[in-house]
PDB file of all heavy atoms in Angstrom:
ATOM      1  N   LEU A   1       1.789   7.866   3.410  1.00  0.00           N
ATOM      2  CA  LEU A   1       0.947   8.111   2.243  1.00  0.00           C
ATOM      3  C   LEU A   1      -0.373   7.341   2.279  1.00  0.00           C
ATOM      4  O   LEU A   1      -0.393   6.123   2.375  1.00  0.00           O
ATOM      5  CB  LEU A   1       1.718   7.739   0.975  1.00  0.00           C
ATOM      6  CG  LEU A   1       0.973   7.909  -0.349  1.00  0.00           C
ATOM      7  CD1 LEU A   1       0.583   9.361  -0.570  1.00  0.00           C
ATOM      8  CD2 LEU A   1       1.837   7.415  -1.511  1.00  0.00           C
ATOM      9  N   ILE A   2      -1.449   8.100   2.212  1.00  0.00           N
ATOM     10  CA  ILE A   2      -2.797   7.563   2.027  1.00  0.00           C
ATOM     11  C   ILE A   2      -3.393   8.273   0.812  1.00  0.00           C
ATOM     12  O   ILE A   2      -3.286   9.501   0.683  1.00  0.00           O
ATOM     13  CB  ILE A   2      -3.681   7.806   3.260  1.00  0.00           C
ATOM     14  CG1 ILE A   2      -3.420   6.752   4.326  1.00  0.00           C
ATOM     15  CG2 ILE A   2      -5.155   7.795   2.904  1.00  0.00           C
ATOM     16  CD1 ILE A   2      -4.077   5.411   4.064  1.00  0.00           C
ATOM     17  N   LEU A   3      -4.019   7.516  -0.076  1.00  0.00           N
ATOM     18  CA  LEU A   3      -4.743   8.099  -1.200  1.00  0.00           C
ATOM     19  C   LEU A   3      -6.222   8.139  -0.853  1.00  0.00           C
ATOM     20  O   LEU A   3      -6.742   7.218  -0.215  1.00  0.00           O
ATOM     21  CB  LEU A   3      -4.524   7.277  -2.466  1.00  0.00           C
ATOM     22  CG  LEU A   3      -3.072   7.143  -2.941  1.00  0.00           C
ATOM     23  CD1 LEU A   3      -2.991   6.163  -4.106  1.00  0.00           C
ATOM     24  CD2 LEU A   3      -2.500   8.489  -3.345  1.00  0.00           C
ATOM     25  N   LEU A   4      -6.903   9.198  -1.275  1.00  0.00           N
ATOM     26  CA  LEU A   4      -8.342   9.320  -1.105  1.00  0.00           C
ATOM     27  C   LEU A   4      -8.956   9.703  -2.430  1.00  0.00           C
ATOM     28  O   LEU A   4      -8.354  10.444  -3.225  1.00  0.00           O
ATOM     29  CB  LEU A   4      -8.712  10.374  -0.057  1.00  0.00           C
ATOM     30  CG  LEU A   4      -8.227  10.121   1.372  1.00  0.00           C
ATOM     31  CD1 LEU A   4      -6.978  10.950   1.658  1.00  0.00           C
ATOM     32  CD2 LEU A   4      -9.306  10.470   2.382  1.00  0.00           C
ATOM     33  N   THR A   5     -10.175   9.200  -2.690  1.00  0.00           N
ATOM     34  CA  THR A   5     -10.812   9.476  -3.972  1.00  0.00           C
ATOM     35  C   THR A   5     -12.317   9.273  -3.879  1.00  0.00           C
ATOM     36  O   THR A   5     -12.818   8.608  -2.961  1.00  0.00           O
ATOM     37  CB  THR A   5     -10.230   8.557  -5.072  1.00  0.00           C
ATOM     38  OG1 THR A   5     -10.764   8.934  -6.343  1.00  0.00           O
ATOM     39  CG2 THR A   5     -10.586   7.102  -4.803  1.00  0.00           C
ATOM     40  N   ASN A   6     -13.033   9.831  -4.859  1.00  0.00           N
ATOM     41  CA  ASN A   6     -14.448   9.535  -5.032  1.00  0.00           C
ATOM     42  C   ASN A   6     -14.667   8.645  -6.253  1.00  0.00           C
ATOM     43  O   ASN A   6     -15.791   8.490  -6.730  1.00  0.00           O
ATOM     44  CB  ASN A   6     -15.251  10.835  -5.170  1.00  0.00           C
ATOM     45  CG  ASN A   6     -14.768  11.708  -6.333  1.00  0.00           C
ATOM     46  OD1 ASN A   6     -13.687  11.503  -6.885  1.00  0.00           O
ATOM     47  ND2 ASN A   6     -15.563  12.705  -6.699  1.00  0.00           N
ATOM     48  N   ASP A   7     -13.590   8.058  -6.758  1.00  0.00           N
ATOM     49  CA  ASP A   7     -13.608   7.171  -7.919  1.00  0.00           C
ATOM     50  C   ASP A   7     -13.510   5.724  -7.438  1.00  0.00           C
ATOM     51  O   ASP A   7     -12.430   5.244  -7.108  1.00  0.00           O
ATOM     52  CB  ASP A   7     -12.440   7.526  -8.846  1.00  0.00           C
ATOM     53  CG  ASP A   7     -12.421   6.708 -10.132  1.00  0.00           C
ATOM     54  OD1 ASP A   7     -13.133   5.686 -10.212  1.00  0.00           O
ATOM     55  OD2 ASP A   7     -11.673   7.069 -11.062  1.00  0.00           O
ATOM     56  N   GLY A   8     -14.643   5.031  -7.406  1.00  0.00           N
ATOM     57  CA  GLY A   8     -14.668   3.664  -6.898  1.00  0.00           C
ATOM     58  C   GLY A   8     -13.834   2.698  -7.716  1.00  0.00           C
ATOM     59  O   GLY A   8     -13.205   1.794  -7.167  1.00  0.00           O
ATOM     60  N   ASP A   9     -13.830   2.860  -9.043  1.00  0.00           N
ATOM     61  CA  ASP A   9     -13.046   1.969  -9.891  1.00  0.00           C
ATOM     62  C   ASP A   9     -11.551   2.127  -9.619  1.00  0.00           C
ATOM     63  O   ASP A   9     -10.800   1.148  -9.587  1.00  0.00           O
ATOM     64  CB  ASP A   9     -13.335   2.244 -11.374  1.00  0.00           C
ATOM     65  CG  ASP A   9     -14.717   1.761 -11.796  1.00  0.00           C
ATOM     66  OD1 ASP A   9     -15.263   0.875 -11.114  1.00  0.00           O
ATOM     67  OD2 ASP A   9     -15.242   2.272 -12.796  1.00  0.00           O
ATOM     68  N   PHE A  10     -11.110   3.360  -9.410  1.00  0.00           N
ATOM     69  CA  PHE A  10      -9.704   3.611  -9.098  1.00  0.00           C
ATOM     70  C   PHE A  10      -9.324   2.932  -7.783  1.00  0.00           C
ATOM     71  O   PHE A  10      -8.274   2.294  -7.678  1.00  0.00           O
ATOM     72  CB  PHE A  10      -9.455   5.112  -9.011  1.00  0.00           C
ATOM     73  CG  PHE A  10      -8.099   5.494  -8.500  1.00  0.00           C
ATOM     74  CD1 PHE A  10      -6.986   5.439  -9.328  1.00  0.00           C
ATOM     75  CD2 PHE A  10      -7.924   5.907  -7.182  1.00  0.00           C
ATOM     76  CE1 PHE A  10      -5.723   5.800  -8.855  1.00  0.00           C
ATOM     77  CE2 PHE A  10      -6.677   6.263  -6.698  1.00  0.00           C
ATOM     78  CZ  PHE A  10      -5.579   6.204  -7.540  1.00  0.00           C
ATOM     79  N   ALA A  11     -10.176   3.074  -6.770  1.00  0.00           N
ATOM     80  CA  ALA A  11      -9.896   2.450  -5.476  1.00  0.00           C
ATOM     81  C   ALA A  11      -9.778   0.942  -5.614  1.00  0.00           C
ATOM     82  O   ALA A  11      -8.892   0.312  -5.025  1.00  0.00           O
ATOM     83  CB  ALA A  11     -10.995   2.813  -4.478  1.00  0.00           C
ATOM     84  N   PHE A  12     -10.649   0.344  -6.413  1.00  0.00           N
ATOM     85  CA  PHE A  12     -10.602  -1.102  -6.632  1.00  0.00           C
ATOM     86  C   PHE A  12      -9.309  -1.518  -7.327  1.00  0.00           C
ATOM     87  O   PHE A  12      -8.638  -2.472  -6.916  1.00  0.00           O
ATOM     88  CB  PHE A  12     -11.815  -1.526  -7.464  1.00  0.00           C
ATOM     89  CG  PHE A  12     -11.820  -2.984  -7.840  1.00  0.00           C
ATOM     90  CD1 PHE A  12     -12.145  -3.954  -6.906  1.00  0.00           C
ATOM     91  CD2 PHE A  12     -11.496  -3.375  -9.130  1.00  0.00           C
ATOM     92  CE1 PHE A  12     -12.148  -5.302  -7.250  1.00  0.00           C
ATOM     93  CE2 PHE A  12     -11.494  -4.711  -9.482  1.00  0.00           C
ATOM     94  CZ  PHE A  12     -11.817  -5.673  -8.541  1.00  0.00           C
ATOM     95  N   GLU A  13      -8.936  -0.782  -8.369  1.00  0.00           N
ATOM     96  CA  GLU A  13      -7.736  -1.122  -9.129  1.00  0.00           C
ATOM     97  C   GLU A  13      -6.463  -0.952  -8.305  1.00  0.00           C
ATOM     98  O   GLU A  13      -5.467  -1.638  -8.532  1.00  0.00           O
ATOM     99  CB  GLU A  13      -7.658  -0.266 -10.396  1.00  0.00           C
ATOM    100  CG  GLU A  13      -8.732  -0.594 -11.418  1.00  0.00           C
ATOM    101  CD  GLU A  13      -8.775   0.399 -12.562  1.00  0.00           C
ATOM    102  OE1 GLU A  13      -7.894   1.291 -12.591  1.00  0.00           O
ATOM    103  OE2 GLU A  13      -9.672   0.297 -13.416  1.00  0.00           O
ATOM    104  N   MET A  14      -6.482  -0.055  -7.335  1.00  0.00           N
ATOM    105  CA  MET A  14      -5.297   0.178  -6.514  1.00  0.00           C
ATOM    106  C   MET A  14      -5.157  -0.844  -5.386  1.00  0.00           C
ATOM    107  O   MET A  14      -4.054  -1.036  -4.858  1.00  0.00           O
ATOM    108  CB  MET A  14      -5.335   1.588  -5.915  1.00  0.00           C
ATOM    109  CG  MET A  14      -5.131   2.707  -6.918  1.00  0.00           C
ATOM    110  SD  MET A  14      -3.499   2.692  -7.714  1.00  0.00           S
ATOM    111  CE  MET A  14      -2.436   3.064  -6.322  1.00  0.00           C
ATOM    112  N   THR A  15      -6.252  -1.487  -5.004  1.00  0.00           N
ATOM    113  CA  THR A  15      -6.206  -2.358  -3.826  1.00  0.00           C
ATOM    114  C   THR A  15      -6.398  -3.832  -4.115  1.00  0.00           C
ATOM    115  O   THR A  15      -5.983  -4.664  -3.302  1.00  0.00           O
ATOM    116  CB  THR A  15      -7.275  -1.910  -2.800  1.00  0.00           C
ATOM    117  OG1 THR A  15      -8.565  -1.875  -3.430  1.00  0.00           O
ATOM    118  CG2 THR A  15      -6.946  -0.534  -2.254  1.00  0.00           C
ATOM    119  N   HIS A  16      -7.004  -4.191  -5.235  1.00  0.00           N
ATOM    120  CA  HIS A  16      -7.230  -5.622  -5.497  1.00  0.00           C
ATOM    121  C   HIS A  16      -5.907  -6.297  -5.851  1.00  0.00           C
ATOM    122  O   HIS A  16      -5.126  -5.783  -6.654  1.00  0.00           O
ATOM    123  CB  HIS A  16      -8.220  -5.803  -6.645  1.00  0.00           C
ATOM    124  CG  HIS A  16      -8.784  -7.196  -6.715  1.00  0.00           C
ATOM    125  ND1 HIS A  16      -8.077  -8.255  -7.239  1.00  0.00           N
ATOM    126  CD2 HIS A  16      -9.969  -7.699  -6.286  1.00  0.00           C
ATOM    127  CE1 HIS A  16      -8.808  -9.347  -7.158  1.00  0.00           C
ATOM    128  NE2 HIS A  16      -9.957  -9.041  -6.580  1.00  0.00           N
ATOM    129  N   PRO A  17      -5.634  -7.465  -5.250  1.00  0.00           N
ATOM    130  CA  PRO A  17      -4.340  -8.139  -5.462  1.00  0.00           C
ATOM    131  C   PRO A  17      -3.998  -8.419  -6.925  1.00  0.00           C
ATOM    132  O   PRO A  17      -2.820  -8.442  -7.289  1.00  0.00           O
ATOM    133  CB  PRO A  17      -4.510  -9.453  -4.675  1.00  0.00           C
ATOM    134  CG  PRO A  17      -5.532  -9.143  -3.640  1.00  0.00           C
ATOM    135  CD  PRO A  17      -6.480  -8.169  -4.267  1.00  0.00           C
ATOM    136  N   LYS A  18      -5.008  -8.611  -7.772  1.00  0.00           N
ATOM    137  CA  LYS A  18      -4.711  -8.978  -9.160  1.00  0.00           C
ATOM    138  C   LYS A  18      -4.017  -7.854  -9.934  1.00  0.00           C
ATOM    139  O   LYS A  18      -3.408  -8.095 -10.977  1.00  0.00           O
ATOM    140  CB  LYS A  18      -5.983  -9.415  -9.890  1.00  0.00           C
ATOM    141  CG  LYS A  18      -6.948  -8.310 -10.239  1.00  0.00           C
ATOM    142  CD  LYS A  18      -8.142  -8.874 -11.012  1.00  0.00           C
ATOM    143  CE  LYS A  18      -9.120  -7.794 -11.434  1.00  0.00           C
ATOM    144  NZ  LYS A  18     -10.268  -8.357 -12.192  1.00  0.00           N
ATOM    145  N   PHE A  19      -4.077  -6.624  -9.423  1.00  0.00           N
ATOM    146  CA  PHE A  19      -3.451  -5.499 -10.122  1.00  0.00           C
ATOM    147  C   PHE A  19      -2.020  -5.247  -9.654  1.00  0.00           C
ATOM    148  O   PHE A  19      -1.306  -4.441 -10.226  1.00  0.00           O
ATOM    149  CB  PHE A  19      -4.295  -4.228  -9.955  1.00  0.00           C
ATOM    150  CG  PHE A  19      -5.628  -4.310 -10.635  1.00  0.00           C
ATOM    151  CD1 PHE A  19      -6.783  -4.495  -9.886  1.00  0.00           C
ATOM    152  CD2 PHE A  19      -5.738  -4.226 -12.007  1.00  0.00           C
ATOM    153  CE1 PHE A  19      -8.024  -4.583 -10.495  1.00  0.00           C
ATOM    154  CE2 PHE A  19      -6.968  -4.312 -12.637  1.00  0.00           C
ATOM    155  CZ  PHE A  19      -8.117  -4.490 -11.870  1.00  0.00           C
ATOM    156  N   TYR A  20      -1.590  -5.905  -8.598  1.00  0.00           N
ATOM    157  CA  TYR A  20      -0.199  -5.916  -8.130  1.00  0.00           C
ATOM    158  C   TYR A  20       0.387  -4.510  -8.020  1.00  0.00           C
ATOM    159  O   TYR A  20       1.224  -4.098  -8.804  1.00  0.00           O
ATOM    160  CB  TYR A  20       0.666  -6.760  -9.075  1.00  0.00           C
ATOM    161  CG  TYR A  20       2.022  -7.111  -8.485  1.00  0.00           C
ATOM    162  CD1 TYR A  20       2.154  -8.182  -7.602  1.00  0.00           C
ATOM    163  CD2 TYR A  20       3.151  -6.367  -8.802  1.00  0.00           C
ATOM    164  CE1 TYR A  20       3.391  -8.490  -7.051  1.00  0.00           C
ATOM    165  CE2 TYR A  20       4.387  -6.678  -8.245  1.00  0.00           C
ATOM    166  CZ  TYR A  20       4.495  -7.736  -7.380  1.00  0.00           C
ATOM    167  OH  TYR A  20       5.711  -8.037  -6.825  1.00  0.00           O
ATOM    168  N   LYS A  21      -0.070  -3.762  -7.034  1.00  0.00           N
ATOM    169  CA  LYS A  21       0.463  -2.423  -6.768  1.00  0.00           C
ATOM    170  C   LYS A  21       1.452  -2.503  -5.606  1.00  0.00           C
ATOM    171  O   LYS A  21       1.076  -2.868  -4.488  1.00  0.00           O
ATOM    172  CB  LYS A  21      -0.661  -1.451  -6.418  1.00  0.00           C
ATOM    173  CG  LYS A  21      -1.728  -1.303  -7.496  1.00  0.00           C
ATOM    174  CD  LYS A  21      -1.186  -0.662  -8.748  1.00  0.00           C
ATOM    175  CE  LYS A  21      -2.309  -0.430  -9.755  1.00  0.00           C
ATOM    176  NZ  LYS A  21      -1.813   0.151 -11.010  1.00  0.00           N
ATOM    177  N   GLU A  22       2.706  -2.176  -5.852  1.00  0.00           N
ATOM    178  CA  GLU A  22       3.700  -2.232  -4.785  1.00  0.00           C
ATOM    179  C   GLU A  22       3.543  -1.051  -3.827  1.00  0.00           C
ATOM    180  O   GLU A  22       3.257   0.066  -4.234  1.00  0.00           O
ATOM    181  CB  GLU A  22       5.119  -2.212  -5.372  1.00  0.00           C
ATOM    182  CG  GLU A  22       5.537  -3.521  -5.980  1.00  0.00           C
ATOM    183  CD  GLU A  22       7.019  -3.552  -6.317  1.00  0.00           C
ATOM    184  OE1 GLU A  22       7.628  -2.465  -6.393  1.00  0.00           O
ATOM    185  OE2 GLU A  22       7.566  -4.650  -6.483  1.00  0.00           O
ATOM    186  N   LYS A  23       3.765  -1.352  -2.545  1.00  0.00           N
ATOM    187  CA  LYS A  23       3.768  -0.324  -1.507  1.00  0.00           C
ATOM    188  C   LYS A  23       5.114  -0.374  -0.794  1.00  0.00           C
ATOM    189  O   LYS A  23       5.624  -1.455  -0.521  1.00  0.00           O
ATOM    190  CB  LYS A  23       2.629  -0.562  -0.521  1.00  0.00           C
ATOM    191  CG  LYS A  23       1.260  -0.218  -1.098  1.00  0.00           C
ATOM    192  CD  LYS A  23       0.134  -0.838  -0.320  1.00  0.00           C
ATOM    193  CE  LYS A  23      -0.054  -2.283  -0.723  1.00  0.00           C
ATOM    194  NZ  LYS A  23      -1.265  -2.878  -0.151  1.00  0.00           N
ATOM    195  N   VAL A  24       5.669   0.797  -0.524  1.00  0.00           N
ATOM    196  CA  VAL A  24       7.003   0.892   0.071  1.00  0.00           C
ATOM    197  C   VAL A  24       6.892   1.579   1.429  1.00  0.00           C
ATOM    198  O   VAL A  24       6.259   2.632   1.551  1.00  0.00           O
ATOM    199  CB  VAL A  24       7.971   1.668  -0.838  1.00  0.00           C
ATOM    200  CG1 VAL A  24       9.372   1.689  -0.226  1.00  0.00           C
ATOM    201  CG2 VAL A  24       8.013   1.047  -2.241  1.00  0.00           C
ATOM    202  N   TYR A  25       7.542   0.975   2.438  1.00  0.00           N
ATOM    203  CA  TYR A  25       7.477   1.478   3.801  1.00  0.00           C
ATOM    204  C   TYR A  25       8.875   1.635   4.386  1.00  0.00           C
ATOM    205  O   TYR A  25       9.775   0.847   4.075  1.00  0.00           O
ATOM    206  CB  TYR A  25       6.709   0.513   4.709  1.00  0.00           C
ATOM    207  CG  TYR A  25       5.290   0.236   4.300  1.00  0.00           C
ATOM    208  CD1 TYR A  25       5.003  -0.681   3.282  1.00  0.00           C
ATOM    209  CD2 TYR A  25       4.228   0.873   4.928  1.00  0.00           C
ATOM    210  CE1 TYR A  25       3.697  -0.949   2.907  1.00  0.00           C
ATOM    211  CE2 TYR A  25       2.915   0.614   4.565  1.00  0.00           C
ATOM    212  CZ  TYR A  25       2.660  -0.299   3.550  1.00  0.00           C
ATOM    213  OH  TYR A  25       1.365  -0.562   3.167  1.00  0.00           O
ATOM    214  N   GLU A  26       9.029   2.618   5.249  1.00  0.00           N
ATOM    215  CA  GLU A  26      10.202   2.717   6.104  1.00  0.00           C
ATOM    216  C   GLU A  26       9.827   2.116   7.453  1.00  0.00           C
ATOM    217  O   GLU A  26       8.827   2.509   8.059  1.00  0.00           O
ATOM    218  CB  GLU A  26      10.627   4.176   6.269  1.00  0.00           C
ATOM    219  CG  GLU A  26      11.122   4.809   4.976  1.00  0.00           C
ATOM    220  CD  GLU A  26      11.429   6.287   5.141  1.00  0.00           C
ATOM    221  OE1 GLU A  26      10.998   6.867   6.168  1.00  0.00           O
ATOM    222  OE2 GLU A  26      12.091   6.851   4.263  1.00  0.00           O
ATOM    223  N   VAL A  27      10.633   1.153   7.910  1.00  0.00           N
ATOM    224  CA  VAL A  27      10.312   0.418   9.131  1.00  0.00           C
ATOM    225  C   VAL A  27      11.467   0.509  10.118  1.00  0.00           C
ATOM    226  O   VAL A  27      12.633   0.358   9.742  1.00  0.00           O
ATOM    227  CB  VAL A  27      10.022  -1.071   8.813  1.00  0.00           C
ATOM    228  CG1 VAL A  27       9.810  -1.868  10.093  1.00  0.00           C
ATOM    229  CG2 VAL A  27       8.807  -1.188   7.909  1.00  0.00           C
ATOM    230  N   GLU A  28      11.137   0.776  11.371  1.00  0.00           N
ATOM    231  CA  GLU A  28      12.123   0.733  12.443  1.00  0.00           C
ATOM    232  C   GLU A  28      11.699  -0.328  13.454  1.00  0.00           C
ATOM    233  O   GLU A  28      10.536  -0.353  13.879  1.00  0.00           O
ATOM    234  CB  GLU A  28      12.232   2.086  13.144  1.00  0.00           C
ATOM    235  CG  GLU A  28      13.254   2.098  14.274  1.00  0.00           C
ATOM    236  CD  GLU A  28      13.320   3.426  15.008  1.00  0.00           C
ATOM    237  OE1 GLU A  28      12.726   4.416  14.523  1.00  0.00           O
ATOM    238  OE2 GLU A  28      13.964   3.466  16.075  1.00  0.00           O
ATOM    239  N   LEU A  29      12.641  -1.201  13.835  1.00  0.00           N
ATOM    240  CA  LEU A  29      12.363  -2.272  14.784  1.00  0.00           C
ATOM    241  C   LEU A  29      12.914  -1.926  16.162  1.00  0.00           C
ATOM    242  O   LEU A  29      13.780  -1.059  16.302  1.00  0.00           O
ATOM    243  CB  LEU A  29      12.982  -3.580  14.297  1.00  0.00           C
ATOM    244  CG  LEU A  29      12.525  -4.071  12.914  1.00  0.00           C
ATOM    245  CD1 LEU A  29      13.293  -5.332  12.529  1.00  0.00           C
ATOM    246  CD2 LEU A  29      11.029  -4.318  12.887  1.00  0.00           C
ATOM    247  N   ASP A  30      12.432  -2.645  17.164  1.00  0.00           N
ATOM    248  CA  ASP A  30      12.881  -2.382  18.531  1.00  0.00           C
ATOM    249  C   ASP A  30      14.253  -2.958  18.823  1.00  0.00           C
ATOM    250  O   ASP A  30      14.881  -2.612  19.822  1.00  0.00           O
ATOM    251  CB  ASP A  30      11.861  -2.929  19.534  1.00  0.00           C
ATOM    252  CG  ASP A  30      11.705  -4.444  19.457  1.00  0.00           C
ATOM    253  OD1 ASP A  30      11.978  -5.026  18.382  1.00  0.00           O
ATOM    254  OD2 ASP A  30      11.318  -5.055  20.477  1.00  0.00           O
ATOM    255  N   ARG A  31      14.763  -3.847  17.959  1.00  0.00           N
ATOM    256  CA  ARG A  31      16.100  -4.415  18.132  1.00  0.00           C
ATOM    257  C   ARG A  31      16.629  -4.855  16.782  1.00  0.00           C
ATOM    258  O   ARG A  31      15.893  -4.867  15.780  1.00  0.00           O
ATOM    259  CB  ARG A  31      16.079  -5.589  19.114  1.00  0.00           C
ATOM    260  CG  ARG A  31      15.219  -6.774  18.685  1.00  0.00           C
ATOM    261  CD  ARG A  31      15.108  -7.799  19.806  1.00  0.00           C
ATOM    262  NE  ARG A  31      14.307  -8.947  19.438  1.00  0.00           N
ATOM    263  CZ  ARG A  31      14.784 -10.046  18.850  1.00  0.00           C
ATOM    264  NH1 ARG A  31      16.082 -10.116  18.537  1.00  0.00           N
ATOM    265  NH2 ARG A  31      13.992 -11.060  18.556  1.00  0.00           N
ATOM    266  N   ASP A  32      17.891  -5.208  16.734  1.00  0.00           N
ATOM    267  CA  ASP A  32      18.526  -5.593  15.470  1.00  0.00           C
ATOM    268  C   ASP A  32      17.849  -6.818  14.856  1.00  0.00           C
ATOM    269  O   ASP A  32      17.568  -7.802  15.558  1.00  0.00           O
ATOM    270  CB  ASP A  32      20.010  -5.900  15.687  1.00  0.00           C
ATOM    271  CG  ASP A  32      20.832  -4.654  15.971  1.00  0.00           C
ATOM    272  OD1 ASP A  32      20.256  -3.550  15.921  1.00  0.00           O
ATOM    273  OD2 ASP A  32      22.038  -4.789  16.242  1.00  0.00           O
ATOM    274  N   LEU A  33      17.627  -6.748  13.566  1.00  0.00           N
ATOM    275  CA  LEU A  33      17.043  -7.872  12.842  1.00  0.00           C
ATOM    276  C   LEU A  33      18.139  -8.863  12.466  1.00  0.00           C
ATOM    277  O   LEU A  33      19.125  -8.503  11.816  1.00  0.00           O
ATOM    278  CB  LEU A  33      16.343  -7.376  11.568  1.00  0.00           C
ATOM    279  CG  LEU A  33      15.696  -8.435  10.670  1.00  0.00           C
ATOM    280  CD1 LEU A  33      14.557  -9.137  11.399  1.00  0.00           C
ATOM    281  CD2 LEU A  33      15.185  -7.799   9.374  1.00  0.00           C
ATOM    282  N   GLU A  34      17.960 -10.104  12.880  1.00  0.00           N
ATOM    283  CA  GLU A  34      18.928 -11.136  12.545  1.00  0.00           C
ATOM    284  C   GLU A  34      18.945 -11.363  11.035  1.00  0.00           C
ATOM    285  O   GLU A  34      17.875 -11.425  10.403  1.00  0.00           O
ATOM    286  CB  GLU A  34      18.579 -12.447  13.251  1.00  0.00           C
ATOM    287  CG  GLU A  34      18.629 -12.387  14.773  1.00  0.00           C
ATOM    288  CD  GLU A  34      20.045 -12.238  15.282  1.00  0.00           C
ATOM    289  OE1 GLU A  34      20.980 -12.565  14.518  1.00  0.00           O
ATOM    290  OE2 GLU A  34      20.222 -11.789  16.433  1.00  0.00           O
TER     291      GLU A  34
END
């Protein structure tokens, strides 16, 4: 998922740390995680 917009304020609110937007990822590693 990538978001695209022509709304600069929206982009700022989605990316600045003070607004705390969680991002969720599926991750696969090359070996078992201890």
